[in-house]
N, C-alpha and C. Protein backbone atom coordinates (compact mmCIF):
# COMPACT_ATOMS: atom_id res chain seq x y z
N MET A 1 0.89 -1.19 -0.02
CA MET A 1 -0.01 -0.02 -0.02
C MET A 1 0.83 1.26 -0.05
N VAL A 2 0.56 2.13 -0.87
CA VAL A 2 1.35 3.40 -0.97
C VAL A 2 0.82 4.48 -0.01
N LYS A 3 1.79 5.05 0.69
CA LYS A 3 1.45 6.10 1.67
C LYS A 3 1.17 7.44 0.98
N GLN A 4 0.02 8.08 1.35
CA GLN A 4 -0.31 9.36 0.68
C GLN A 4 0.53 10.48 1.20
N LYS A 5 0.82 11.45 0.41
CA LYS A 5 1.54 12.59 0.82
C LYS A 5 0.56 13.62 1.52
N ASN A 6 1.07 14.37 2.43
CA ASN A 6 0.26 15.26 3.24
C ASN A 6 -0.30 16.47 2.43
N HIS A 7 0.46 16.89 1.40
CA HIS A 7 0.04 18.09 0.67
C HIS A 7 -0.94 17.83 -0.40
N THR A 8 -1.33 16.64 -0.68
CA THR A 8 -2.29 16.32 -1.72
C THR A 8 -3.70 16.73 -1.24
N ASN A 9 -4.54 17.28 -2.09
CA ASN A 9 -5.88 17.64 -1.72
C ASN A 9 -6.83 17.06 -2.73
N ALA A 10 -6.69 15.80 -2.97
CA ALA A 10 -7.53 15.06 -3.97
C ALA A 10 -9.02 14.99 -3.47
N THR A 11 -9.23 15.02 -2.14
CA THR A 11 -10.55 14.86 -1.66
C THR A 11 -11.22 16.26 -1.61
N ARG A 12 -10.49 17.34 -1.72
CA ARG A 12 -11.05 18.70 -1.52
C ARG A 12 -11.17 19.30 -2.94
N GLN A 13 -11.87 18.71 -3.83
CA GLN A 13 -12.07 19.32 -5.16
C GLN A 13 -13.48 19.86 -5.30
N GLY A 14 -13.61 21.02 -5.92
CA GLY A 14 -14.92 21.55 -6.24
C GLY A 14 -15.64 22.08 -4.97
N HIS A 15 -16.90 21.70 -4.80
CA HIS A 15 -17.77 22.16 -3.74
C HIS A 15 -17.51 21.47 -2.35
N ASP A 16 -16.69 20.45 -2.37
CA ASP A 16 -16.43 19.72 -1.12
C ASP A 16 -15.47 20.44 -0.26
N ALA A 17 -14.85 21.57 -0.70
CA ALA A 17 -13.87 22.31 0.13
C ALA A 17 -14.54 22.96 1.28
N PRO A 18 -13.88 22.86 2.49
CA PRO A 18 -14.47 23.51 3.64
C PRO A 18 -14.39 25.02 3.56
N PRO A 19 -15.26 25.77 4.27
CA PRO A 19 -15.20 27.26 4.20
C PRO A 19 -13.98 27.68 4.91
N PRO A 20 -13.53 28.89 4.54
CA PRO A 20 -12.29 29.44 5.31
C PRO A 20 -12.58 29.64 6.70
N PRO A 21 -11.56 29.52 7.59
CA PRO A 21 -11.79 29.70 8.98
C PRO A 21 -12.18 31.13 9.34
N ALA A 22 -13.04 31.27 10.35
CA ALA A 22 -13.54 32.64 10.73
C ALA A 22 -12.34 33.38 11.41
N ARG A 23 -12.30 34.65 11.25
CA ARG A 23 -11.25 35.52 11.83
C ARG A 23 -11.50 35.70 13.29
N CYS A 24 -10.49 35.43 14.05
CA CYS A 24 -10.60 35.51 15.51
C CYS A 24 -10.50 37.01 15.92
N PRO A 25 -11.41 37.45 16.86
CA PRO A 25 -11.40 38.83 17.20
C PRO A 25 -10.14 39.35 17.93
N LEU A 26 -9.38 38.38 18.45
CA LEU A 26 -8.13 38.80 19.15
C LEU A 26 -6.89 38.40 18.29
N SER A 27 -7.02 38.56 16.95
CA SER A 27 -5.97 38.26 16.07
C SER A 27 -4.90 39.26 16.28
N PRO A 28 -3.67 39.04 15.89
CA PRO A 28 -2.53 39.86 16.14
C PRO A 28 -2.82 41.32 15.62
N ARG A 29 -3.49 41.40 14.49
CA ARG A 29 -3.75 42.75 13.85
C ARG A 29 -4.57 43.70 14.80
N SER A 30 -5.73 43.09 15.26
CA SER A 30 -6.60 43.94 16.12
C SER A 30 -5.97 44.13 17.48
N ASN A 31 -5.15 43.19 17.95
CA ASN A 31 -4.49 43.35 19.24
C ASN A 31 -3.50 44.41 19.21
N GLN A 32 -2.75 44.56 18.10
CA GLN A 32 -1.79 45.64 18.06
C GLN A 32 -2.46 47.00 18.00
N THR A 33 -3.63 47.13 17.37
CA THR A 33 -4.32 48.34 17.37
C THR A 33 -4.80 48.66 18.78
N TYR A 34 -5.30 47.69 19.52
CA TYR A 34 -5.68 47.88 20.95
C TYR A 34 -4.51 48.35 21.78
N LYS A 35 -3.36 47.72 21.61
CA LYS A 35 -2.18 48.08 22.44
C LYS A 35 -1.75 49.46 22.07
N ASN A 36 -1.77 49.83 20.77
CA ASN A 36 -1.30 51.21 20.32
C ASN A 36 -2.25 52.25 20.99
N HIS A 37 -3.49 52.04 21.05
CA HIS A 37 -4.43 53.06 21.52
C HIS A 37 -4.53 53.11 23.08
N ARG A 38 -3.94 52.20 23.79
CA ARG A 38 -4.07 52.17 25.25
C ARG A 38 -3.55 53.43 25.86
N ASN A 39 -2.34 53.87 25.38
CA ASN A 39 -1.75 55.10 25.86
C ASN A 39 -1.91 56.19 24.89
N GLY A 40 -2.74 56.00 23.88
CA GLY A 40 -2.99 57.05 22.91
C GLY A 40 -1.84 57.15 21.91
N ILE A 41 -2.20 57.48 20.70
CA ILE A 41 -1.25 57.65 19.61
C ILE A 41 -0.82 59.10 19.63
N LYS A 42 0.47 59.36 19.95
CA LYS A 42 0.95 60.73 20.14
C LYS A 42 1.70 61.25 18.93
N LYS A 43 1.65 62.54 18.66
CA LYS A 43 2.41 63.13 17.59
C LYS A 43 3.92 63.00 17.94
N PRO A 44 4.79 62.90 16.91
CA PRO A 44 6.21 62.89 17.19
C PRO A 44 6.69 64.22 17.75
N ILE A 45 7.67 64.23 18.63
CA ILE A 45 8.14 65.46 19.29
C ILE A 45 8.85 66.27 18.19
N ARG A 46 8.50 67.56 18.15
CA ARG A 46 9.11 68.46 17.17
C ARG A 46 9.96 69.41 17.88
N ASN A 47 11.15 69.70 17.42
CA ASN A 47 11.99 70.64 18.02
C ASN A 47 11.59 72.08 17.66
N LYS A 48 11.93 73.05 18.55
CA LYS A 48 11.53 74.43 18.30
C LYS A 48 12.30 74.98 17.05
N TYR A 49 13.61 74.65 16.97
CA TYR A 49 14.37 75.12 15.88
C TYR A 49 15.01 73.86 15.18
N MET A 50 14.94 73.94 13.86
CA MET A 50 15.52 72.81 13.13
C MET A 50 17.06 72.88 13.15
N SER A 51 17.73 71.82 13.22
CA SER A 51 19.18 71.76 13.25
C SER A 51 19.78 72.32 12.00
N THR A 52 20.82 73.07 12.07
CA THR A 52 21.54 73.56 10.83
C THR A 52 22.84 72.83 10.62
N LYS A 53 22.99 71.68 11.28
CA LYS A 53 24.09 70.85 11.08
C LYS A 53 24.17 70.28 9.70
N GLY A 54 25.26 70.49 8.96
CA GLY A 54 25.34 69.91 7.61
C GLY A 54 24.67 70.80 6.52
N VAL A 55 24.27 72.04 6.94
CA VAL A 55 23.61 72.93 5.92
C VAL A 55 24.69 73.73 5.27
N ASP A 56 24.41 74.11 4.01
CA ASP A 56 25.34 74.89 3.25
C ASP A 56 25.80 76.18 3.91
N PRO A 57 27.13 76.38 4.09
CA PRO A 57 27.62 77.59 4.84
C PRO A 57 27.16 78.90 4.20
N LYS A 58 27.10 78.93 2.90
CA LYS A 58 26.70 80.14 2.19
C LYS A 58 25.28 80.51 2.61
N PHE A 59 24.41 79.53 2.68
CA PHE A 59 23.01 79.72 3.07
C PHE A 59 22.98 80.22 4.51
N LEU A 60 23.78 79.64 5.41
CA LEU A 60 23.75 80.06 6.83
C LEU A 60 24.18 81.46 7.03
N ARG A 61 25.22 81.90 6.21
CA ARG A 61 25.72 83.34 6.43
C ARG A 61 24.53 84.23 5.92
N ASN A 62 23.88 83.91 4.78
CA ASN A 62 22.81 84.75 4.31
C ASN A 62 21.69 84.83 5.35
N LYS A 63 21.34 83.68 5.97
CA LYS A 63 20.32 83.58 6.91
C LYS A 63 20.65 84.52 8.14
N LYS A 64 21.90 84.51 8.57
CA LYS A 64 22.30 85.32 9.69
C LYS A 64 22.07 86.86 9.39
N TYR A 65 22.50 87.23 8.21
CA TYR A 65 22.35 88.65 7.87
C TYR A 65 20.91 89.03 7.60
N ALA A 66 20.10 88.07 7.13
CA ALA A 66 18.69 88.36 6.91
C ALA A 66 17.90 88.53 8.28
N LEU A 67 18.30 87.70 9.24
CA LEU A 67 17.68 87.79 10.54
C LEU A 67 18.08 89.12 11.14
N ARG A 68 19.32 89.51 10.96
CA ARG A 68 19.81 90.83 11.57
C ARG A 68 18.97 91.98 10.98
N GLY A 69 18.79 91.95 9.60
CA GLY A 69 18.01 92.96 8.97
C GLY A 69 16.63 92.99 9.40
N THR A 70 16.03 91.84 9.66
CA THR A 70 14.65 91.76 10.09
C THR A 70 14.44 92.44 11.50
N LYS A 71 15.39 92.07 12.37
CA LYS A 71 15.33 92.61 13.73
C LYS A 71 15.44 94.16 13.67
N LYS A 72 16.35 94.66 12.86
CA LYS A 72 16.47 96.10 12.66
C LYS A 72 15.16 96.78 12.22
N ALA A 73 14.59 96.11 11.17
CA ALA A 73 13.34 96.65 10.60
C ALA A 73 12.23 96.64 11.62
N LEU A 74 12.14 95.60 12.47
CA LEU A 74 11.08 95.55 13.48
C LEU A 74 11.31 96.66 14.56
N ALA A 75 12.60 96.83 14.95
CA ALA A 75 12.90 97.86 15.93
C ALA A 75 12.57 99.26 15.35
N ASN A 76 12.87 99.53 14.14
CA ASN A 76 12.53 100.86 13.52
C ASN A 76 11.01 101.05 13.49
N ALA A 77 10.23 99.91 13.18
CA ALA A 77 8.83 100.03 13.06
C ALA A 77 8.20 100.36 14.51
N ARG A 78 8.82 99.79 15.52
CA ARG A 78 8.36 100.08 16.86
C ARG A 78 8.59 101.57 17.25
N LYS A 79 9.79 102.02 16.90
CA LYS A 79 10.15 103.38 17.23
C LYS A 79 9.16 104.36 16.47
N PHE A 80 8.89 104.09 15.17
CA PHE A 80 7.98 104.94 14.44
C PHE A 80 6.63 104.93 14.99
N LYS A 81 6.17 103.75 15.44
CA LYS A 81 4.78 103.64 16.00
C LYS A 81 4.65 104.45 17.34
N LYS A 82 5.76 104.40 18.20
CA LYS A 82 5.78 105.18 19.43
C LYS A 82 5.70 106.62 19.18
N ALA A 83 6.43 107.06 18.13
CA ALA A 83 6.55 108.47 17.83
C ALA A 83 5.16 109.10 17.40
N GLU A 84 4.24 108.28 16.85
CA GLU A 84 2.98 108.77 16.43
C GLU A 84 2.06 109.13 17.50
């Protein structure tokens, strides 16, 4: 007598195939969602100022002078407003 192989599905042809198994409510997917929401999903921490490490030095010099000019313009605007 010949031993049948485990992976043959000669008996499960056509309409004799069993229905797919029902999805368990505590499957890994829904459990991960539950665990993620237990402490709340938080936004990533954002820094107040972005790092300028590795940024083009020419751009940084221009940024420095632009900020200096902006501060002067704001100071002059305040003086002008007080004078009125």
